[in-house]
């Protein structure tokens, strides 16, 4: 279903995989992410990835914060802040934001963490 031409079906499948909390769903979700060019699709995919609640998903989100630019990195940061609340995760998010050297992300993090 993740390779379907119907974007709504792909989004539903991605969210169902995220809800499964099955770590094996990370690879197909990141595969679709790599080919997604639409911000709406990326938003659904990053949410689904975060819903997996596994270390690999968190690392993927942190990497996206650090290495992507523009709206995509903002989506990743907002998703991380929404799904990860413990001190260790917040420290990792803060480090990723710092490493991104992106003033927009730094502003979002400061505002959302206040």
C-alpha atoms as a PDB file:
ATOM      1  CA  UNK A   1       0.000   0.000   0.000  1.00  0.00           C
ATOM      2  CA  UNK A   2       2.946   2.341   0.496  1.00  0.00           C
ATOM      3  CA  UNK A   3       3.671   2.306  -3.228  1.00  0.00           C
ATOM      4  CA  UNK A   4       0.126   3.068  -4.315  1.00  0.00           C
ATOM      5  CA  UNK A   5      -0.587   6.042  -6.585  1.00  0.00           C
ATOM      6  CA  UNK A   6      -3.444   7.110  -4.308  1.00  0.00           C
ATOM      7  CA  UNK A   7      -1.793   9.465  -1.801  1.00  0.00           C
ATOM      8  CA  UNK A   8      -4.636   9.103   0.710  1.00  0.00           C
ATOM      9  CA  UNK A   9      -4.168   5.329   0.745  1.00  0.00           C
ATOM     10  CA  UNK A  10      -0.402   5.708   1.214  1.00  0.00           C
ATOM     11  CA  UNK A  11      -0.995   8.099   4.116  1.00  0.00           C
ATOM     12  CA  UNK A  12      -3.430   5.690   5.786  1.00  0.00           C
ATOM     13  CA  UNK A  13      -1.010   2.800   5.339  1.00  0.00           C
ATOM     14  CA  UNK A  14       1.854   4.849   6.779  1.00  0.00           C
ATOM     15  CA  UNK A  15      -0.166   5.829   9.835  1.00  0.00           C
ATOM     16  CA  UNK A  16      -1.292   2.228  10.353  1.00  0.00           C
ATOM     17  CA  UNK A  17       2.349   1.124  10.283  1.00  0.00           C
ATOM     18  CA  UNK A  18       3.242   3.840  12.771  1.00  0.00           C
ATOM     19  CA  UNK A  19       0.444   2.780  15.093  1.00  0.00           C
ATOM     20  CA  UNK A  20       1.744  -0.776  14.982  1.00  0.00           C
ATOM     21  CA  UNK A  21       4.829   0.340  16.953  1.00  0.00           C
ATOM     22  CA  UNK A  22       6.630  -2.440  15.101  1.00  0.00           C
ATOM     23  CA  UNK A  23      10.278  -1.504  14.572  1.00  0.00           C
ATOM     24  CA  UNK A  24      10.369  -3.376  11.262  1.00  0.00           C
ATOM     25  CA  UNK A  25       8.025  -0.725   9.820  1.00  0.00           C
ATOM     26  CA  UNK A  26      10.816   1.871   9.971  1.00  0.00           C
ATOM     27  CA  UNK A  27      12.569   0.695   6.808  1.00  0.00           C
ATOM     28  CA  UNK A  28       9.533   0.857   4.507  1.00  0.00           C
ATOM     29  CA  UNK A  29       8.479   4.210   5.973  1.00  0.00           C
ATOM     30  CA  UNK A  30      11.916   5.759   5.474  1.00  0.00           C
ATOM     31  CA  UNK A  31      11.963   4.287   1.971  1.00  0.00           C
ATOM     32  CA  UNK A  32       8.768   6.134   1.107  1.00  0.00           C
ATOM     33  CA  UNK A  33      10.180   9.236   2.821  1.00  0.00           C
ATOM     34  CA  UNK A  34      13.209   9.200   0.517  1.00  0.00           C
ATOM     35  CA  UNK A  35      10.960   9.353  -2.540  1.00  0.00           C
ATOM     36  CA  UNK A  36       8.375  11.799  -1.172  1.00  0.00           C
ATOM     37  CA  UNK A  37       8.491  15.309  -2.612  1.00  0.00           C
ATOM     38  CA  UNK A  38       5.281  16.646  -1.116  1.00  0.00           C
ATOM     39  CA  UNK A  39       5.378  18.416   2.290  1.00  0.00           C
ATOM     40  CA  UNK A  40       1.979  17.008   3.236  1.00  0.00           C
ATOM     41  CA  UNK A  41       3.200  13.459   2.609  1.00  0.00           C
ATOM     42  CA  UNK A  42       6.429  14.127   4.517  1.00  0.00           C
ATOM     43  CA  UNK A  43       4.397  15.404   7.466  1.00  0.00           C
ATOM     44  CA  UNK A  44       2.326  12.212   7.578  1.00  0.00           C
ATOM     45  CA  UNK A  45       5.430  10.058   7.197  1.00  0.00           C
ATOM     46  CA  UNK A  46       7.399  11.796   9.959  1.00  0.00           C
ATOM     47  CA  UNK A  47       4.380  11.421  12.263  1.00  0.00           C
ATOM     48  CA  UNK A  48       4.131   7.727  11.414  1.00  0.00           C
ATOM     49  CA  UNK A  49       7.857   7.262  12.011  1.00  0.00           C
ATOM     50  CA  UNK A  50       7.628   9.005  15.401  1.00  0.00           C
ATOM     51  CA  UNK A  51       4.664   6.824  16.368  1.00  0.00           C
ATOM     52  CA  UNK A  52       6.894   3.752  16.087  1.00  0.00           C
ATOM     53  CA  UNK A  53       8.579   4.834  19.337  1.00  0.00           C
ATOM     54  CA  UNK A  54      11.777   2.945  18.608  1.00  0.00           C
ATOM     55  CA  UNK A  55      15.371   4.132  18.824  1.00  0.00           C
ATOM     56  CA  UNK A  56      15.844   3.950  15.059  1.00  0.00           C
ATOM     57  CA  UNK A  57      12.834   6.197  14.487  1.00  0.00           C
ATOM     58  CA  UNK A  58      14.121   8.758  16.970  1.00  0.00           C
ATOM     59  CA  UNK A  59      17.566   8.699  15.335  1.00  0.00           C
ATOM     60  CA  UNK A  60      15.968   9.218  11.918  1.00  0.00           C
ATOM     61  CA  UNK A  61      14.087  12.253  13.215  1.00  0.00           C
ATOM     62  CA  UNK A  62      17.226  13.677  14.834  1.00  0.00           C
ATOM     63  CA  UNK A  63      19.181  13.168  11.609  1.00  0.00           C
ATOM     64  CA  UNK A  64      16.416  14.949   9.688  1.00  0.00           C
ATOM     65  CA  UNK A  65      16.563  17.901  12.104  1.00  0.00           C
ATOM     66  CA  UNK A  66      20.322  18.137  11.671  1.00  0.00           C
ATOM     67  CA  UNK A  67      20.668  17.581   7.947  1.00  0.00           C
ATOM     68  CA  UNK A  68      17.504  18.727   6.161  1.00  0.00           C
ATOM     69  CA  UNK A  69      16.658  22.332   5.497  1.00  0.00           C
ATOM     70  CA  UNK A  70      13.568  24.442   5.340  1.00  0.00           C
ATOM     71  CA  UNK A  71      10.148  23.120   6.055  1.00  0.00           C
ATOM     72  CA  UNK A  72      11.232  19.475   6.320  1.00  0.00           C
ATOM     73  CA  UNK A  73      13.575  20.092   9.245  1.00  0.00           C
ATOM     74  CA  UNK A  74      10.877  22.192  10.917  1.00  0.00           C
ATOM     75  CA  UNK A  75       8.395  19.309  10.551  1.00  0.00           C
ATOM     76  CA  UNK A  76      10.922  16.930  12.071  1.00  0.00           C
ATOM     77  CA  UNK A  77      11.581  19.248  15.017  1.00  0.00           C
ATOM     78  CA  UNK A  78       7.911  19.884  15.732  1.00  0.00           C
ATOM     79  CA  UNK A  79       7.225  16.157  15.545  1.00  0.00           C
ATOM     80  CA  UNK A  80      10.095  15.379  17.909  1.00  0.00           C
ATOM     81  CA  UNK A  81       8.843  17.951  20.400  1.00  0.00           C
ATOM     82  CA  UNK A  82       5.340  16.523  20.192  1.00  0.00           C
ATOM     83  CA  UNK A  83       6.305  12.872  20.683  1.00  0.00           C
ATOM     84  CA  UNK A  84       9.399  12.880  22.902  1.00  0.00           C
ATOM     85  CA  UNK A  85       9.105  14.463  26.351  1.00  0.00           C
ATOM     86  CA  UNK A  86      11.691  12.830  28.611  1.00  0.00           C
ATOM     87  CA  UNK A  87      14.856  14.712  29.604  1.00  0.00           C
ATOM     88  CA  UNK A  88      17.221  12.458  27.651  1.00  0.00           C
ATOM     89  CA  UNK A  89      15.205  12.878  24.438  1.00  0.00           C
ATOM     90  CA  UNK A  90      14.914  16.631  24.926  1.00  0.00           C
ATOM     91  CA  UNK A  91      18.691  16.863  25.349  1.00  0.00           C
ATOM     92  CA  UNK A  92      19.196  14.902  22.115  1.00  0.00           C
ATOM     93  CA  UNK A  93      16.728  17.177  20.317  1.00  0.00           C
ATOM     94  CA  UNK A  94      18.519  20.268  21.656  1.00  0.00           C
ATOM     95  CA  UNK A  95      21.833  18.896  20.403  1.00  0.00           C
ATOM     96  CA  UNK A  96      20.384  18.154  16.948  1.00  0.00           C
ATOM     97  CA  UNK A  97      19.009  21.689  16.746  1.00  0.00           C
ATOM     98  CA  UNK A  98      22.370  23.117  17.783  1.00  0.00           C
ATOM     99  CA  UNK A  99      24.189  20.922  15.240  1.00  0.00           C
ATOM    100  CA  UNK A 100      21.808  22.054  12.496  1.00  0.00           C
ATOM    101  CA  UNK A 101      23.156  25.592  12.824  1.00  0.00           C
ATOM    102  CA  UNK A 102      19.704  26.706  11.688  1.00  0.00           C
ATOM    103  CA  UNK A 103      18.426  29.872  13.417  1.00  0.00           C
ATOM    104  CA  UNK A 104      14.807  29.086  12.508  1.00  0.00           C
ATOM    105  CA  UNK A 105      15.020  25.697  14.246  1.00  0.00           C
ATOM    106  CA  UNK A 106      16.753  27.283  17.221  1.00  0.00           C
ATOM    107  CA  UNK A 107      13.936  29.813  17.504  1.00  0.00           C
ATOM    108  CA  UNK A 108      11.257  27.112  17.267  1.00  0.00           C
ATOM    109  CA  UNK A 109      13.011  24.991  19.878  1.00  0.00           C
ATOM    110  CA  UNK A 110      13.402  27.916  22.255  1.00  0.00           C
ATOM    111  CA  UNK A 111       9.755  28.940  21.843  1.00  0.00           C
ATOM    112  CA  UNK A 112       8.342  25.411  22.143  1.00  0.00           C
ATOM    113  CA  UNK A 113      10.551  24.470  25.100  1.00  0.00           C
ATOM    114  CA  UNK A 114       9.731  27.530  27.194  1.00  0.00           C
END
